[in-house]
Amino acid sequence: MNGLRGKVAIVTGGARGLGYSIVERLVAEGASVAILALHAESVDNAVAKLGADPSRVMGLVADVSQEEAIRVAVA
């Protein structure tokens, strides 16, 4: 499955639950994914659990209710 190879996705709340399931599918489809969540430990655990190529998955701590945090994460 490589339908999303070359694409980049940002998944907020991607460290657990439905967000994590979405991340798993995107990675399986070939996308590069940035996981955003509130807590560093959750982000680190999600990235480690995926076991994906580190050049394709990155974890970022960000409060998506704060506009500046989103700007920093995207930059």
PDB file of N, CA and C in Angstrom:
ATOM      1  N   MET A   1       0.829  -1.180   0.000  1.00  0.00           N
ATOM      2  CA  MET A   1       0.000   0.000   0.000  1.00  0.00           C
ATOM      3  C   MET A   1       0.877   1.248   0.000  1.00  0.00           C
ATOM      4  N   ASN A   2       0.866   1.960  -1.068  1.00  0.00           N
ATOM      5  CA  ASN A   2       1.673   3.176  -1.167  1.00  0.00           C
ATOM      6  C   ASN A   2       0.893   4.312  -1.809  1.00  0.00           C
ATOM      7  N   GLY A   3      -0.431   4.312  -1.641  1.00  0.00           N
ATOM      8  CA  GLY A   3      -1.266   5.319  -2.271  1.00  0.00           C
ATOM      9  C   GLY A   3      -0.998   6.731  -1.807  1.00  0.00           C
ATOM     10  N   LEU A   4      -0.369   6.885  -0.640  1.00  0.00           N
ATOM     11  CA  LEU A   4      -0.094   8.220  -0.112  1.00  0.00           C
ATOM     12  C   LEU A   4       1.390   8.547  -0.062  1.00  0.00           C
ATOM     13  N   ARG A   5       2.209   7.753  -0.734  1.00  0.00           N
ATOM     14  CA  ARG A   5       3.647   8.022  -0.746  1.00  0.00           C
ATOM     15  C   ARG A   5       3.880   9.425  -1.296  1.00  0.00           C
ATOM     16  N   GLY A   6       4.744  10.184  -0.605  1.00  0.00           N
ATOM     17  CA  GLY A   6       5.036  11.552  -1.016  1.00  0.00           C
ATOM     18  C   GLY A   6       4.119  12.588  -0.394  1.00  0.00           C
ATOM     19  N   LYS A   7       3.106  12.145   0.322  1.00  0.00           N
ATOM     20  CA  LYS A   7       2.178  13.054   0.993  1.00  0.00           C
ATOM     21  C   LYS A   7       2.563  13.186   2.466  1.00  0.00           C
ATOM     22  N   VAL A   8       2.208  14.315   3.048  1.00  0.00           N
ATOM     23  CA  VAL A   8       2.485  14.577   4.462  1.00  0.00           C
ATOM     24  C   VAL A   8       1.169  14.875   5.161  1.00  0.00           C
ATOM     25  N   ALA A   9       0.972  14.256   6.323  1.00  0.00           N
ATOM     26  CA  ALA A   9      -0.237  14.485   7.110  1.00  0.00           C
ATOM     27  C   ALA A   9       0.141  14.942   8.509  1.00  0.00           C
ATOM     28  N   ILE A  10      -0.679  15.808   9.076  1.00  0.00           N
ATOM     29  CA  ILE A  10      -0.565  16.207  10.472  1.00  0.00           C
ATOM     30  C   ILE A  10      -1.805  15.680  11.161  1.00  0.00           C
ATOM     31  N   VAL A  11      -1.597  14.885  12.211  1.00  0.00           N
ATOM     32  CA  VAL A  11      -2.736  14.307  12.933  1.00  0.00           C
ATOM     33  C   VAL A  11      -2.705  14.831  14.366  1.00  0.00           C
ATOM     34  N   THR A  12      -3.689  15.658  14.697  1.00  0.00           N
ATOM     35  CA  THR A  12      -3.805  16.141  16.067  1.00  0.00           C
ATOM     36  C   THR A  12      -4.470  15.052  16.897  1.00  0.00           C
ATOM     37  N   GLY A  13      -4.001  14.895  18.103  1.00  0.00           N
ATOM     38  CA  GLY A  13      -4.531  13.816  18.941  1.00  0.00           C
ATOM     39  C   GLY A  13      -4.107  12.457  18.428  1.00  0.00           C
ATOM     40  N   GLY A  14      -3.000  12.419  17.701  1.00  0.00           N
ATOM     41  CA  GLY A  14      -2.549  11.194  17.060  1.00  0.00           C
ATOM     42  C   GLY A  14      -1.798  10.226  17.947  1.00  0.00           C
ATOM     43  N   ALA A  15      -1.664  10.552  19.221  1.00  0.00           N
ATOM     44  CA  ALA A  15      -0.892   9.696  20.120  1.00  0.00           C
ATOM     45  C   ALA A  15      -1.703   8.539  20.694  1.00  0.00           C
ATOM     46  N   ARG A  16      -3.044   8.611  20.584  1.00  0.00           N
ATOM     47  CA  ARG A  16      -3.845   7.518  21.144  1.00  0.00           C
ATOM     48  C   ARG A  16      -5.236   7.497  20.496  1.00  0.00           C
ATOM     49  N   GLY A  17      -5.952   6.437  20.771  1.00  0.00           N
ATOM     50  CA  GLY A  17      -7.335   6.331  20.331  1.00  0.00           C
ATOM     51  C   GLY A  17      -7.514   6.395  18.823  1.00  0.00           C
ATOM     52  N   LEU A  18      -8.578   7.065  18.407  1.00  0.00           N
ATOM     53  CA  LEU A  18      -8.908   7.182  16.988  1.00  0.00           C
ATOM     54  C   LEU A  18      -7.788   7.881  16.219  1.00  0.00           C
ATOM     55  N   GLY A  19      -7.200   8.910  16.818  1.00  0.00           N
ATOM     56  CA  GLY A  19      -6.101   9.607  16.149  1.00  0.00           C
ATOM     57  C   GLY A  19      -4.945   8.680  15.846  1.00  0.00           C
ATOM     58  N   TYR A  20      -4.603   7.822  16.796  1.00  0.00           N
ATOM     59  CA  TYR A  20      -3.513   6.867  16.584  1.00  0.00           C
ATOM     60  C   TYR A  20      -3.872   5.885  15.474  1.00  0.00           C
ATOM     61  N   SER A  21      -5.118   5.439  15.431  1.00  0.00           N
ATOM     62  CA  SER A  21      -5.554   4.533  14.368  1.00  0.00           C
ATOM     63  C   SER A  21      -5.421   5.191  13.002  1.00  0.00           C
ATOM     64  N   ILE A  22      -5.731   6.466  12.933  1.00  0.00           N
ATOM     65  CA  ILE A  22      -5.586   7.210  11.683  1.00  0.00           C
ATOM     66  C   ILE A  22      -4.115   7.280  11.287  1.00  0.00           C
ATOM     67  N   VAL A  23      -3.251   7.548  12.262  1.00  0.00           N
ATOM     68  CA  VAL A  23      -1.811   7.596  11.995  1.00  0.00           C
ATOM     69  C   VAL A  23      -1.336   6.250  11.445  1.00  0.00           C
ATOM     70  N   GLU A  24      -1.741   5.160  12.082  1.00  0.00           N
ATOM     71  CA  GLU A  24      -1.342   3.822  11.620  1.00  0.00           C
ATOM     72  C   GLU A  24      -1.715   3.620  10.155  1.00  0.00           C
ATOM     73  N   ARG A  25      -2.923   3.996   9.790  1.00  0.00           N
ATOM     74  CA  ARG A  25      -3.383   3.799   8.417  1.00  0.00           C
ATOM     75  C   ARG A  25      -2.618   4.673   7.432  1.00  0.00           C
ATOM     76  N   LEU A  26      -2.394   5.927   7.812  1.00  0.00           N
ATOM     77  CA  LEU A  26      -1.646   6.825   6.937  1.00  0.00           C
ATOM     78  C   LEU A  26      -0.236   6.308   6.685  1.00  0.00           C
ATOM     79  N   VAL A  27       0.422   5.841   7.737  1.00  0.00           N
ATOM     80  CA  VAL A  27       1.776   5.288   7.593  1.00  0.00           C
ATOM     81  C   VAL A  27       1.742   4.044   6.707  1.00  0.00           C
ATOM     82  N   ALA A  28       0.758   3.181   6.910  1.00  0.00           N
ATOM     83  CA  ALA A  28       0.631   1.969   6.098  1.00  0.00           C
ATOM     84  C   ALA A  28       0.416   2.307   4.626  1.00  0.00           C
ATOM     85  N   GLU A  29      -0.228   3.435   4.369  1.00  0.00           N
ATOM     86  CA  GLU A  29      -0.491   3.862   2.996  1.00  0.00           C
ATOM     87  C   GLU A  29       0.681   4.631   2.386  1.00  0.00           C
ATOM     88  N   GLY A  30       1.758   4.834   3.178  1.00  0.00           N
ATOM     89  CA  GLY A  30       2.964   5.449   2.644  1.00  0.00           C
ATOM     90  C   GLY A  30       3.171   6.907   2.965  1.00  0.00           C
ATOM     91  N   ALA A  31       2.262   7.526   3.707  1.00  0.00           N
ATOM     92  CA  ALA A  31       2.390   8.946   4.029  1.00  0.00           C
ATOM     93  C   ALA A  31       3.459   9.171   5.103  1.00  0.00           C
ATOM     94  N   SER A  32       4.007  10.363   5.104  1.00  0.00           N
ATOM     95  CA  SER A  32       4.821  10.825   6.220  1.00  0.00           C
ATOM     96  C   SER A  32       3.866  11.526   7.167  1.00  0.00           C
ATOM     97  N   VAL A  33       4.038  11.307   8.470  1.00  0.00           N
ATOM     98  CA  VAL A  33       3.045  11.797   9.429  1.00  0.00           C
ATOM     99  C   VAL A  33       3.702  12.524  10.587  1.00  0.00           C
ATOM    100  N   ALA A  34       3.111  13.652  10.962  1.00  0.00           N
ATOM    101  CA  ALA A  34       3.476  14.363  12.185  1.00  0.00           C
ATOM    102  C   ALA A  34       2.350  14.136  13.185  1.00  0.00           C
ATOM    103  N   ILE A  35       2.696  13.566  14.324  1.00  0.00           N
ATOM    104  CA  ILE A  35       1.732  13.313  15.388  1.00  0.00           C
ATOM    105  C   ILE A  35       1.808  14.479  16.361  1.00  0.00           C
ATOM    106  N   LEU A  36       0.687  15.169  16.585  1.00  0.00           N
ATOM    107  CA  LEU A  36       0.634  16.258  17.555  1.00  0.00           C
ATOM    108  C   LEU A  36      -0.214  15.832  18.739  1.00  0.00           C
ATOM    109  N   ALA A  37       0.277  16.079  19.930  1.00  0.00           N
ATOM    110  CA  ALA A  37      -0.466  15.784  21.150  1.00  0.00           C
ATOM    111  C   ALA A  37       0.054  16.685  22.261  1.00  0.00           C
ATOM    112  N   LEU A  38      -0.658  16.692  23.372  1.00  0.00           N
ATOM    113  CA  LEU A  38      -0.334  17.591  24.483  1.00  0.00           C
ATOM    114  C   LEU A  38       0.856  17.156  25.327  1.00  0.00           C
ATOM    115  N   HIS A  39       1.101  15.854  25.411  1.00  0.00           N
ATOM    116  CA  HIS A  39       2.104  15.354  26.355  1.00  0.00           C
ATOM    117  C   HIS A  39       3.231  14.615  25.638  1.00  0.00           C
ATOM    118  N   ALA A  40       4.459  14.988  25.975  1.00  0.00           N
ATOM    119  CA  ALA A  40       5.637  14.408  25.334  1.00  0.00           C
ATOM    120  C   ALA A  40       5.684  12.894  25.492  1.00  0.00           C
ATOM    121  N   GLU A  41       5.347  12.393  26.667  1.00  0.00           N
ATOM    122  CA  GLU A  41       5.395  10.948  26.896  1.00  0.00           C
ATOM    123  C   GLU A  41       4.443  10.209  25.961  1.00  0.00           C
ATOM    124  N   SER A  42       3.253  10.743  25.765  1.00  0.00           N
ATOM    125  CA  SER A  42       2.281  10.118  24.862  1.00  0.00           C
ATOM    126  C   SER A  42       2.783  10.111  23.427  1.00  0.00           C
ATOM    127  N   VAL A  43       3.360  11.244  23.024  1.00  0.00           N
ATOM    128  CA  VAL A  43       3.890  11.360  21.655  1.00  0.00           C
ATOM    129  C   VAL A  43       5.034  10.368  21.457  1.00  0.00           C
ATOM    130  N   ASP A  44       5.958  10.327  22.403  1.00  0.00           N
ATOM    131  CA  ASP A  44       7.098   9.419  22.305  1.00  0.00           C
ATOM    132  C   ASP A  44       6.649   7.964  22.255  1.00  0.00           C
ATOM    133  N   ASN A  45       5.686   7.601  23.083  1.00  0.00           N
ATOM    134  CA  ASN A  45       5.171   6.229  23.094  1.00  0.00           C
ATOM    135  C   ASN A  45       4.515   5.865  21.771  1.00  0.00           C
ATOM    136  N   ALA A  46       3.747   6.787  21.216  1.00  0.00           N
ATOM    137  CA  ALA A  46       3.075   6.518  19.943  1.00  0.00           C
ATOM    138  C   ALA A  46       4.092   6.309  18.824  1.00  0.00           C
ATOM    139  N   VAL A  47       5.092   7.161  18.762  1.00  0.00           N
ATOM    140  CA  VAL A  47       6.116   7.046  17.717  1.00  0.00           C
ATOM    141  C   VAL A  47       6.856   5.717  17.864  1.00  0.00           C
ATOM    142  N   ALA A  48       7.225   5.370  19.086  1.00  0.00           N
ATOM    143  CA  ALA A  48       7.939   4.103  19.323  1.00  0.00           C
ATOM    144  C   ALA A  48       7.070   2.902  18.978  1.00  0.00           C
ATOM    145  N   LYS A  49       5.810   2.957  19.351  1.00  0.00           N
ATOM    146  CA  LYS A  49       4.887   1.849  19.092  1.00  0.00           C
ATOM    147  C   LYS A  49       4.700   1.604  17.594  1.00  0.00           C
ATOM    148  N   LEU A  50       4.712   2.669  16.818  1.00  0.00           N
ATOM    149  CA  LEU A  50       4.554   2.519  15.365  1.00  0.00           C
ATOM    150  C   LEU A  50       5.720   1.748  14.755  1.00  0.00           C
ATOM    151  N   GLY A  51       6.914   1.994  15.267  1.00  0.00           N
ATOM    152  CA  GLY A  51       8.088   1.320  14.733  1.00  0.00           C
ATOM    153  C   GLY A  51       8.359   1.672  13.275  1.00  0.00           C
ATOM    154  N   ALA A  52       7.852   2.812  12.843  1.00  0.00           N
ATOM    155  CA  ALA A  52       8.013   3.219  11.448  1.00  0.00           C
ATOM    156  C   ALA A  52       9.366   3.882  11.237  1.00  0.00           C
ATOM    157  N   ASP A  53       9.739   4.020   9.993  1.00  0.00           N
ATOM    158  CA  ASP A  53      10.957   4.725   9.606  1.00  0.00           C
ATOM    159  C   ASP A  53      10.923   6.129  10.219  1.00  0.00           C
ATOM    160  N   PRO A  54      11.911   6.484  11.043  1.00  0.00           N
ATOM    161  CA  PRO A  54      11.907   7.792  11.703  1.00  0.00           C
ATOM    162  C   PRO A  54      11.896   8.980  10.740  1.00  0.00           C
ATOM    163  N   SER A  55      12.287   8.762   9.509  1.00  0.00           N
ATOM    164  CA  SER A  55      12.234   9.860   8.543  1.00  0.00           C
ATOM    165  C   SER A  55      10.812  10.103   8.058  1.00  0.00           C
ATOM    166  N   ARG A  56       9.884   9.195   8.406  1.00  0.00           N
ATOM    167  CA  ARG A  56       8.489   9.336   7.962  1.00  0.00           C
ATOM    168  C   ARG A  56       7.513   9.634   9.088  1.00  0.00           C
ATOM    169  N   VAL A  57       7.937   9.527  10.339  1.00  0.00           N
ATOM    170  CA  VAL A  57       7.045   9.792  11.470  1.00  0.00           C
ATOM    171  C   VAL A  57       7.757  10.694  12.464  1.00  0.00           C
ATOM    172  N   MET A  58       7.089  11.782  12.846  1.00  0.00           N
ATOM    173  CA  MET A  58       7.659  12.684  13.836  1.00  0.00           C
ATOM    174  C   MET A  58       6.586  12.999  14.859  1.00  0.00           C
ATOM    175  N   GLY A  59       7.005  13.127  16.085  1.00  0.00           N
ATOM    176  CA  GLY A  59       6.086  13.475  17.154  1.00  0.00           C
ATOM    177  C   GLY A  59       6.362  14.875  17.647  1.00  0.00           C
ATOM    178  N   LEU A  60       5.316  15.639  17.827  1.00  0.00           N
ATOM    179  CA  LEU A  60       5.450  17.017  18.287  1.00  0.00           C
ATOM    180  C   LEU A  60       4.481  17.279  19.429  1.00  0.00           C
ATOM    181  N   VAL A  61       4.940  17.998  20.427  1.00  0.00           N
ATOM    182  CA  VAL A  61       4.072  18.398  21.527  1.00  0.00           C
ATOM    183  C   VAL A  61       3.500  19.764  21.175  1.00  0.00           C
ATOM    184  N   ALA A  62       2.173  19.844  21.131  1.00  0.00           N
ATOM    185  CA  ALA A  62       1.526  21.109  20.798  1.00  0.00           C
ATOM    186  C   ALA A  62       0.107  21.126  21.343  1.00  0.00           C
ATOM    187  N   ASP A  63      -0.304  22.278  21.823  1.00  0.00           N
ATOM    188  CA  ASP A  63      -1.677  22.498  22.253  1.00  0.00           C
ATOM    189  C   ASP A  63      -2.401  23.134  21.076  1.00  0.00           C
ATOM    190  N   VAL A  64      -3.206  22.365  20.383  1.00  0.00           N
ATOM    191  CA  VAL A  64      -3.832  22.850  19.152  1.00  0.00           C
ATOM    192  C   VAL A  64      -4.900  23.908  19.403  1.00  0.00           C
ATOM    193  N   SER A  65      -5.199  24.182  20.652  1.00  0.00           N
ATOM    194  CA  SER A  65      -6.130  25.274  20.947  1.00  0.00           C
ATOM    195  C   SER A  65      -5.401  26.624  20.955  1.00  0.00           C
ATOM    196  N   GLN A  66      -4.081  26.580  20.819  1.00  0.00           N
ATOM    197  CA  GLN A  66      -3.262  27.790  20.810  1.00  0.00           C
ATOM    198  C   GLN A  66      -2.694  28.024  19.402  1.00  0.00           C
ATOM    199  N   GLU A  67      -3.106  29.109  18.769  1.00  0.00           N
ATOM    200  CA  GLU A  67      -2.690  29.391  17.398  1.00  0.00           C
ATOM    201  C   GLU A  67      -1.174  29.397  17.224  1.00  0.00           C
ATOM    202  N   GLU A  68      -0.466  29.997  18.155  1.00  0.00           N
ATOM    203  CA  GLU A  68       0.992  30.067  18.044  1.00  0.00           C
ATOM    204  C   GLU A  68       1.625  28.679  18.110  1.00  0.00           C
ATOM    205  N   ALA A  69       1.068  27.793  18.903  1.00  0.00           N
ATOM    206  CA  ALA A  69       1.594  26.426  18.997  1.00  0.00           C
ATOM    207  C   ALA A  69       1.461  25.711  17.654  1.00  0.00           C
ATOM    208  N   ILE A  70       0.383  25.966  16.956  1.00  0.00           N
ATOM    209  CA  ILE A  70       0.193  25.366  15.626  1.00  0.00           C
ATOM    210  C   ILE A  70       1.214  25.933  14.650  1.00  0.00           C
ATOM    211  N   ARG A  71       1.431  27.220  14.674  1.00  0.00           N
ATOM    212  CA  ARG A  71       2.428  27.827  13.785  1.00  0.00           C
ATOM    213  C   ARG A  71       3.805  27.232  14.003  1.00  0.00           C
ATOM    214  N   VAL A  72       4.181  27.085  15.266  1.00  0.00           N
ATOM    215  CA  VAL A  72       5.491  26.519  15.589  1.00  0.00           C
ATOM    216  C   VAL A  72       5.584  25.072  15.124  1.00  0.00           C
ATOM    217  N   ALA A  73       4.549  24.289  15.344  1.00  0.00           N
ATOM    218  CA  ALA A  73       4.561  22.884  14.954  1.00  0.00           C
ATOM    219  C   ALA A  73       4.675  22.736  13.435  1.00  0.00           C
ATOM    220  N   VAL A  74       3.951  23.522  12.699  1.00  0.00           N
ATOM    221  CA  VAL A  74       3.974  23.424  11.240  1.00  0.00           C
ATOM    222  C   VAL A  74       5.306  23.899  10.684  1.00  0.00           C
ATOM    223  N   ALA A  75       5.886  24.907  11.307  1.00  0.00           N
ATOM    224  CA  ALA A  75       7.180  25.424  10.845  1.00  0.00           C
ATOM    225  C   ALA A  75       8.238  24.350  11.046  1.00  0.00           C
TER     226      ALA A  75
END
